Amino acid sequence: MTRTKVGFTLVVAGALALLALGSPALAKDGDVLVRGSCSARSAVKLKLSDEDGRIEAEVEVDQNRNGVPWTVVLTRDGARVGRLTRVTKAPSGSFTARKLLANPAGADVVRAVATRRGESCTARATWTA
């Protein structure tokens, strides 16, 4: 293999590893944004941000199909803090679920699990503010 092909292969492998791990990226003003994984073809994102001293958790699932009900369960540090039902809507076949969570001292691990018949999506992020 040439050096160019090896370098390209390493870059692609690194990018795929980051996606698989759901690595956090900064959204705006210290927000944490992660892409999770789904058992089928949908996509899930979890965004955490500060909202007047609380944690705003926003979960977005994009399925590219309208009218599909999903259940979203949110946990903070392993304890369930919310259960929401949302339906995908036009034009993109997606939904966003939003919930404000208490922000106790220390780092908080927020996990979102979105499920529908035949599919499950999971995203996990750590909030340290």
Protein backbone atom coordinates (compact mmCIF):
# COMPACT_ATOMS: atom_id res chain seq x y z
CA MET A 1 0.00 0.00 0.00
CA THR A 2 1.23 3.49 -0.71
CA ARG A 3 1.79 6.01 2.06
CA THR A 4 -1.22 8.02 0.86
CA LYS A 5 -3.54 5.00 1.04
CA VAL A 6 -2.22 4.07 4.49
CA GLY A 7 -2.73 7.62 5.75
CA PHE A 8 -6.24 7.78 4.32
CA THR A 9 -7.09 4.40 5.84
CA LEU A 10 -5.90 5.56 9.27
CA VAL A 11 -7.95 8.77 9.07
CA VAL A 12 -11.10 6.88 8.06
CA ALA A 13 -10.55 4.27 10.78
CA GLY A 14 -10.09 7.00 13.40
CA ALA A 15 -13.26 8.80 12.33
CA LEU A 16 -15.27 5.57 12.45
CA ALA A 17 -13.90 4.78 15.92
CA LEU A 18 -15.01 8.20 17.18
CA LEU A 19 -18.51 7.69 15.78
CA ALA A 20 -18.76 4.24 17.32
CA LEU A 21 -17.80 5.56 20.74
CA GLY A 22 -20.31 8.39 20.57
CA SER A 23 -17.57 10.86 21.39
CA PRO A 24 -18.73 14.25 22.62
CA ALA A 25 -18.34 17.40 20.58
CA LEU A 26 -18.95 20.95 21.66
CA ALA A 27 -22.20 22.33 20.27
CA LYS A 28 -22.41 25.94 21.50
CA ASP A 29 -21.33 27.72 24.64
CA GLY A 30 -20.20 24.57 26.43
CA ASP A 31 -23.05 22.31 25.31
CA VAL A 32 -22.21 18.63 25.00
CA LEU A 33 -23.42 16.84 21.86
CA VAL A 34 -23.04 13.12 21.23
CA ARG A 35 -24.21 10.82 18.49
CA GLY A 36 -25.42 7.50 19.79
CA SER A 37 -26.18 4.24 18.04
CA CYS A 38 -29.34 2.52 16.85
CA SER A 39 -30.08 -1.15 16.25
CA ALA A 40 -31.52 -0.37 12.79
CA ARG A 41 -31.18 2.53 10.33
CA SER A 42 -32.27 5.45 12.52
CA ALA A 43 -29.89 8.02 14.00
CA VAL A 44 -29.87 9.46 17.53
CA LYS A 45 -28.25 12.55 19.08
CA LEU A 46 -28.18 13.68 22.72
CA LYS A 47 -27.42 17.29 23.57
CA LEU A 48 -26.84 18.53 27.13
CA SER A 49 -26.76 22.22 27.98
CA ASP A 50 -27.12 24.58 30.92
CA GLU A 51 -30.60 25.99 31.52
CA ASP A 52 -30.68 28.27 34.57
CA GLY A 53 -28.59 25.90 36.69
CA ARG A 54 -30.35 22.77 35.47
CA ILE A 55 -29.37 20.33 32.73
CA GLU A 56 -31.39 20.58 29.55
CA ALA A 57 -31.40 17.18 27.83
CA GLU A 58 -32.49 17.14 24.18
CA VAL A 59 -32.83 13.84 22.36
CA GLU A 60 -33.29 13.78 18.59
CA VAL A 61 -34.12 10.65 16.63
CA ASP A 62 -34.20 10.73 12.84
CA GLN A 63 -35.91 7.76 11.24
CA ASN A 64 -36.87 9.26 7.85
CA ARG A 65 -40.42 8.00 8.29
CA ASN A 66 -43.38 10.04 9.55
CA GLY A 67 -45.98 9.00 12.11
CA VAL A 68 -43.92 6.47 14.07
CA PRO A 69 -44.30 6.55 17.89
CA TRP A 70 -41.17 6.27 20.05
CA THR A 71 -40.69 6.05 23.82
CA VAL A 72 -37.69 7.87 25.29
CA VAL A 73 -36.37 7.03 28.76
CA LEU A 74 -33.82 9.40 30.32
CA THR A 75 -31.59 8.47 33.24
CA ARG A 76 -29.13 10.59 35.23
CA ASP A 77 -26.47 8.66 37.11
CA GLY A 78 -28.51 5.46 36.67
CA ALA A 79 -31.79 6.79 38.08
CA ARG A 80 -34.75 7.28 35.76
CA VAL A 81 -35.60 10.98 35.47
CA GLY A 82 -38.03 10.97 32.56
CA ARG A 83 -40.18 8.92 30.24
CA LEU A 84 -41.54 10.66 27.15
CA THR A 85 -43.49 9.54 24.09
CA ARG A 86 -42.93 11.32 20.77
CA VAL A 87 -44.01 10.70 17.17
CA THR A 88 -41.83 11.31 14.11
CA LYS A 89 -43.08 14.19 11.96
CA ALA A 90 -42.70 15.63 8.48
CA PRO A 91 -40.71 16.78 6.69
CA SER A 92 -37.73 14.80 8.00
CA GLY A 93 -39.34 11.89 9.83
CA SER A 94 -37.71 12.88 13.12
CA PHE A 95 -38.63 14.11 16.59
CA THR A 96 -36.99 15.98 19.43
CA ALA A 97 -37.72 15.26 23.10
CA ARG A 98 -36.65 17.84 25.70
CA LYS A 99 -36.46 17.52 29.49
CA LEU A 100 -34.96 19.71 32.23
CA LEU A 101 -33.03 17.74 34.86
CA ALA A 102 -31.69 18.67 38.28
CA ASN A 103 -27.95 19.35 38.31
CA PRO A 104 -26.45 18.08 41.59
CA ALA A 105 -22.79 18.76 42.38
CA GLY A 106 -20.21 16.80 40.39
CA ALA A 107 -20.29 15.12 37.02
CA ASP A 108 -23.60 13.68 35.81
CA VAL A 109 -23.95 10.85 33.30
CA VAL A 110 -27.13 11.25 31.24
CA ARG A 111 -28.35 8.35 29.13
CA ALA A 112 -31.19 8.36 26.62
CA VAL A 113 -32.81 5.18 25.32
CA ALA A 114 -35.38 5.61 22.55
CA THR A 115 -37.39 2.56 21.51
CA ARG A 116 -40.03 1.65 19.01
CA ARG A 117 -41.28 -1.71 17.88
CA GLY A 118 -38.26 -3.43 16.36
CA GLU A 119 -35.61 -0.81 17.12
CA SER A 120 -33.68 0.74 19.98
CA CYS A 121 -31.38 3.78 20.04
CA THR A 122 -28.99 4.73 22.85
CA ALA A 123 -26.88 7.81 23.54
CA ARG A 124 -24.80 8.67 26.64
CA ALA A 125 -23.09 11.91 27.66
CA THR A 126 -21.40 13.36 30.74
CA TRP A 127 -22.28 16.83 32.03
CA THR A 128 -19.62 18.44 34.23
CA ALA A 129 -20.84 22.03 34.67
